[in-house]
Amino acid sequence: MKTTSIKTGYLKEHELKQAIVEYIAETDEELAQHLYDNDCSMEWDDDGNFVVSIDGEVEDKEVFPAEGSTTERVEEQVARLNKLAEKEK
């Protein structure tokens, strides 16, 4: 990564891909490996979202796990978001 000032950093495509892979690996190791192994494209859409399109196919996991474990899943997600918020401070 090249830094030109305190406010501006320039990431090369492979550096950004690696950062995304490492971020995804915290919650989904299989998807992170798929991204690492395949080509991808990155762009901003018209709504201002950053979109990463990965070549190849991966089987989607259940959105909601088996009954009784939804609360655990929500608690895990809240814990991950709190961890990210702490890192930003």
N, C-alpha and C. Protein backbone atom coordinates (compact mmCIF):
# COMPACT_ATOMS: atom_id res chain seq x y z
N MET A 1 0.84 -1.17 0.00
CA MET A 1 0.00 0.00 0.00
C MET A 1 0.88 1.23 0.00
N LYS A 2 0.54 2.18 -0.80
CA LYS A 2 1.27 3.44 -0.88
C LYS A 2 0.43 4.52 -0.20
N THR A 3 1.04 5.31 0.66
CA THR A 3 0.33 6.39 1.34
C THR A 3 0.91 7.72 0.91
N THR A 4 0.05 8.62 0.44
CA THR A 4 0.53 9.93 -0.03
C THR A 4 0.33 11.02 1.01
N SER A 5 -0.57 10.82 1.94
CA SER A 5 -0.78 11.75 3.04
C SER A 5 -1.50 11.00 4.14
N ILE A 6 -1.74 11.66 5.23
CA ILE A 6 -2.44 11.00 6.34
C ILE A 6 -3.85 10.60 5.92
N LYS A 7 -4.45 11.33 4.99
CA LYS A 7 -5.83 11.09 4.60
C LYS A 7 -6.02 10.17 3.41
N THR A 8 -5.00 9.91 2.64
CA THR A 8 -5.17 9.16 1.40
C THR A 8 -4.27 7.94 1.36
N GLY A 9 -4.86 6.79 1.08
CA GLY A 9 -4.10 5.57 0.88
C GLY A 9 -4.52 4.94 -0.43
N TYR A 10 -3.60 4.34 -1.14
CA TYR A 10 -3.88 3.71 -2.42
C TYR A 10 -3.62 2.21 -2.29
N LEU A 11 -4.65 1.41 -2.54
CA LEU A 11 -4.52 -0.04 -2.48
C LEU A 11 -4.49 -0.59 -3.90
N LYS A 12 -3.58 -1.51 -4.13
CA LYS A 12 -3.58 -2.24 -5.39
C LYS A 12 -4.70 -3.27 -5.33
N GLU A 13 -5.13 -3.74 -6.49
CA GLU A 13 -6.26 -4.68 -6.54
C GLU A 13 -6.01 -5.91 -5.67
N HIS A 14 -4.80 -6.48 -5.75
CA HIS A 14 -4.53 -7.70 -4.97
C HIS A 14 -4.50 -7.41 -3.46
N GLU A 15 -4.12 -6.21 -3.05
CA GLU A 15 -4.13 -5.85 -1.64
C GLU A 15 -5.56 -5.74 -1.12
N LEU A 16 -6.43 -5.14 -1.91
CA LEU A 16 -7.83 -5.01 -1.52
C LEU A 16 -8.49 -6.38 -1.47
N LYS A 17 -8.21 -7.23 -2.45
CA LYS A 17 -8.77 -8.57 -2.46
C LYS A 17 -8.33 -9.34 -1.21
N GLN A 18 -7.06 -9.23 -0.85
CA GLN A 18 -6.55 -9.93 0.33
C GLN A 18 -7.23 -9.42 1.60
N ALA A 19 -7.45 -8.12 1.69
CA ALA A 19 -8.13 -7.54 2.86
C ALA A 19 -9.57 -8.07 2.96
N ILE A 20 -10.24 -8.16 1.83
CA ILE A 20 -11.61 -8.67 1.82
C ILE A 20 -11.63 -10.15 2.20
N VAL A 21 -10.69 -10.92 1.67
CA VAL A 21 -10.60 -12.35 2.02
C VAL A 21 -10.40 -12.51 3.52
N GLU A 22 -9.50 -11.75 4.10
CA GLU A 22 -9.24 -11.86 5.54
C GLU A 22 -10.45 -11.45 6.36
N TYR A 23 -11.18 -10.43 5.91
CA TYR A 23 -12.39 -9.99 6.62
C TYR A 23 -13.46 -11.08 6.56
N ILE A 24 -13.70 -11.64 5.37
CA ILE A 24 -14.72 -12.67 5.22
C ILE A 24 -14.34 -13.93 5.99
N ALA A 25 -13.05 -14.23 6.08
CA ALA A 25 -12.59 -15.44 6.77
C ALA A 25 -12.99 -15.45 8.24
N GLU A 26 -13.21 -14.28 8.82
CA GLU A 26 -13.63 -14.23 10.23
C GLU A 26 -14.99 -14.87 10.44
N THR A 27 -15.84 -14.89 9.40
CA THR A 27 -17.19 -15.42 9.56
C THR A 27 -17.50 -16.59 8.63
N ASP A 28 -16.78 -16.70 7.51
CA ASP A 28 -17.10 -17.75 6.54
C ASP A 28 -15.82 -18.20 5.83
N GLU A 29 -15.15 -19.15 6.40
CA GLU A 29 -13.87 -19.64 5.89
C GLU A 29 -13.99 -20.19 4.47
N GLU A 30 -15.10 -20.89 4.19
CA GLU A 30 -15.29 -21.49 2.86
C GLU A 30 -15.44 -20.42 1.78
N LEU A 31 -16.24 -19.40 2.06
CA LEU A 31 -16.42 -18.32 1.08
C LEU A 31 -15.12 -17.54 0.89
N ALA A 32 -14.38 -17.33 1.96
CA ALA A 32 -13.10 -16.64 1.86
C ALA A 32 -12.14 -17.41 0.97
N GLN A 33 -12.09 -18.72 1.13
CA GLN A 33 -11.22 -19.55 0.30
C GLN A 33 -11.65 -19.49 -1.16
N HIS A 34 -12.97 -19.49 -1.39
CA HIS A 34 -13.49 -19.40 -2.75
C HIS A 34 -13.06 -18.09 -3.40
N LEU A 35 -13.16 -16.99 -2.67
CA LEU A 35 -12.73 -15.69 -3.19
C LEU A 35 -11.23 -15.71 -3.48
N TYR A 36 -10.45 -16.27 -2.57
CA TYR A 36 -8.99 -16.34 -2.74
C TYR A 36 -8.61 -17.12 -4.00
N ASP A 37 -9.33 -18.22 -4.25
CA ASP A 37 -9.00 -19.12 -5.36
C ASP A 37 -9.48 -18.62 -6.73
N ASN A 38 -10.42 -17.69 -6.76
CA ASN A 38 -11.04 -17.29 -8.02
C ASN A 38 -10.81 -15.81 -8.32
N ASP A 39 -10.94 -15.48 -9.60
CA ASP A 39 -10.87 -14.08 -10.01
C ASP A 39 -12.11 -13.35 -9.52
N CYS A 40 -11.97 -12.06 -9.38
CA CYS A 40 -13.12 -11.26 -8.98
C CYS A 40 -13.02 -9.89 -9.62
N SER A 41 -14.14 -9.20 -9.64
CA SER A 41 -14.14 -7.81 -10.09
C SER A 41 -14.76 -6.97 -8.99
N MET A 42 -14.33 -5.73 -8.90
CA MET A 42 -14.80 -4.83 -7.85
C MET A 42 -15.21 -3.52 -8.49
N GLU A 43 -16.37 -3.01 -8.07
CA GLU A 43 -16.84 -1.74 -8.62
C GLU A 43 -17.86 -1.12 -7.67
N TRP A 44 -18.14 0.15 -7.90
CA TRP A 44 -19.19 0.86 -7.16
C TRP A 44 -20.45 0.82 -8.00
N ASP A 45 -21.60 0.53 -7.36
CA ASP A 45 -22.85 0.56 -8.11
C ASP A 45 -23.47 1.96 -8.03
N ASP A 46 -24.61 2.14 -8.67
CA ASP A 46 -25.27 3.45 -8.73
C ASP A 46 -25.77 3.94 -7.37
N ASP A 47 -25.95 3.02 -6.42
CA ASP A 47 -26.43 3.39 -5.08
C ASP A 47 -25.28 3.66 -4.11
N GLY A 48 -24.05 3.60 -4.59
CA GLY A 48 -22.90 3.85 -3.74
C GLY A 48 -22.39 2.64 -2.98
N ASN A 49 -22.87 1.44 -3.33
CA ASN A 49 -22.40 0.21 -2.70
C ASN A 49 -21.15 -0.29 -3.43
N PHE A 50 -20.21 -0.82 -2.67
CA PHE A 50 -19.02 -1.44 -3.25
C PHE A 50 -19.36 -2.90 -3.50
N VAL A 51 -19.26 -3.34 -4.74
CA VAL A 51 -19.68 -4.68 -5.14
C VAL A 51 -18.47 -5.52 -5.52
N VAL A 52 -18.37 -6.72 -4.93
CA VAL A 52 -17.32 -7.67 -5.28
C VAL A 52 -18.01 -8.86 -5.94
N SER A 53 -17.72 -9.08 -7.22
CA SER A 53 -18.29 -10.21 -7.96
C SER A 53 -17.20 -11.27 -8.10
N ILE A 54 -17.52 -12.49 -7.62
CA ILE A 54 -16.55 -13.57 -7.60
C ILE A 54 -16.90 -14.58 -8.69
N ASP A 55 -15.90 -14.98 -9.48
CA ASP A 55 -16.11 -16.03 -10.49
C ASP A 55 -16.39 -17.35 -9.79
N GLY A 56 -17.06 -18.23 -10.51
CA GLY A 56 -17.34 -19.56 -9.98
C GLY A 56 -18.62 -19.57 -9.16
N GLU A 57 -18.95 -20.75 -8.66
CA GLU A 57 -20.17 -20.92 -7.89
C GLU A 57 -19.84 -21.51 -6.54
N VAL A 58 -20.62 -21.12 -5.56
CA VAL A 58 -20.50 -21.67 -4.21
C VAL A 58 -21.91 -21.91 -3.71
N GLU A 59 -22.11 -23.00 -3.00
CA GLU A 59 -23.44 -23.32 -2.51
C GLU A 59 -23.79 -22.42 -1.34
N ASP A 60 -24.95 -21.77 -1.42
CA ASP A 60 -25.40 -20.89 -0.34
C ASP A 60 -25.71 -21.71 0.90
N LYS A 61 -25.39 -21.12 2.05
CA LYS A 61 -25.74 -21.74 3.32
C LYS A 61 -27.14 -21.28 3.70
N GLU A 62 -27.74 -21.99 4.64
CA GLU A 62 -29.06 -21.58 5.11
C GLU A 62 -28.97 -20.18 5.69
N VAL A 63 -29.95 -19.36 5.37
CA VAL A 63 -30.00 -18.02 5.94
C VAL A 63 -30.29 -18.12 7.42
N PHE A 64 -31.25 -18.99 7.77
CA PHE A 64 -31.59 -19.20 9.16
C PHE A 64 -31.26 -20.64 9.53
N PRO A 65 -30.45 -20.83 10.56
CA PRO A 65 -30.12 -22.19 10.97
C PRO A 65 -31.34 -22.92 11.55
N ALA A 66 -31.15 -24.16 11.92
CA ALA A 66 -32.24 -24.97 12.47
C ALA A 66 -32.91 -24.26 13.65
N GLU A 67 -34.17 -24.63 13.89
CA GLU A 67 -34.92 -24.00 14.98
C GLU A 67 -34.15 -24.07 16.29
N GLY A 68 -34.32 -23.02 17.10
CA GLY A 68 -33.69 -23.01 18.40
C GLY A 68 -32.32 -22.37 18.40
N SER A 69 -31.70 -22.25 17.23
CA SER A 69 -30.35 -21.69 17.22
C SER A 69 -30.31 -20.28 16.62
N THR A 70 -31.46 -19.73 16.24
CA THR A 70 -31.50 -18.39 15.67
C THR A 70 -30.97 -17.36 16.65
N THR A 71 -31.34 -17.49 17.92
CA THR A 71 -30.86 -16.55 18.93
C THR A 71 -29.34 -16.58 19.02
N GLU A 72 -28.77 -17.78 19.00
CA GLU A 72 -27.31 -17.89 19.05
C GLU A 72 -26.68 -17.18 17.86
N ARG A 73 -27.26 -17.37 16.69
CA ARG A 73 -26.74 -16.76 15.46
C ARG A 73 -26.78 -15.24 15.55
N VAL A 74 -27.89 -14.70 16.05
CA VAL A 74 -28.01 -13.25 16.22
C VAL A 74 -26.99 -12.76 17.23
N GLU A 75 -26.83 -13.46 18.33
CA GLU A 75 -25.85 -13.06 19.35
C GLU A 75 -24.43 -13.09 18.79
N GLU A 76 -24.11 -14.08 17.96
CA GLU A 76 -22.78 -14.15 17.33
C GLU A 76 -22.56 -12.95 16.42
N GLN A 77 -23.59 -12.59 15.63
CA GLN A 77 -23.46 -11.45 14.73
C GLN A 77 -23.29 -10.15 15.51
N VAL A 78 -24.04 -9.99 16.58
CA VAL A 78 -23.91 -8.79 17.42
C VAL A 78 -22.50 -8.72 18.00
N ALA A 79 -21.98 -9.84 18.46
CA ALA A 79 -20.62 -9.87 19.00
C ALA A 79 -19.59 -9.48 17.94
N ARG A 80 -19.76 -9.97 16.69
CA ARG A 80 -18.84 -9.60 15.61
C ARG A 80 -18.92 -8.11 15.31
N LEU A 81 -20.14 -7.57 15.27
CA LEU A 81 -20.30 -6.13 15.00
C LEU A 81 -19.68 -5.30 16.12
N ASN A 82 -19.86 -5.73 17.36
CA ASN A 82 -19.25 -5.01 18.48
C ASN A 82 -17.73 -5.06 18.41
N LYS A 83 -17.19 -6.20 18.00
CA LYS A 83 -15.74 -6.33 17.83
C LYS A 83 -15.23 -5.37 16.76
N LEU A 84 -15.94 -5.28 15.64
CA LEU A 84 -15.56 -4.36 14.58
C LEU A 84 -15.64 -2.90 15.06
N ALA A 85 -16.69 -2.60 15.82
CA ALA A 85 -16.84 -1.23 16.33
C ALA A 85 -15.68 -0.88 17.26
N GLU A 86 -15.25 -1.83 18.07
CA GLU A 86 -14.12 -1.58 18.98
C GLU A 86 -12.84 -1.32 18.20
N LYS A 87 -12.64 -2.06 17.09
CA LYS A 87 -11.44 -1.87 16.27
C LYS A 87 -11.40 -0.48 15.67
N GLU A 88 -12.58 0.08 15.34
CA GLU A 88 -12.62 1.39 14.70
C GLU A 88 -12.34 2.53 15.67
N LYS A 89 -12.49 2.28 16.96
CA LYS A 89 -12.26 3.34 17.97
C LYS A 89 -10.84 3.68 18.14
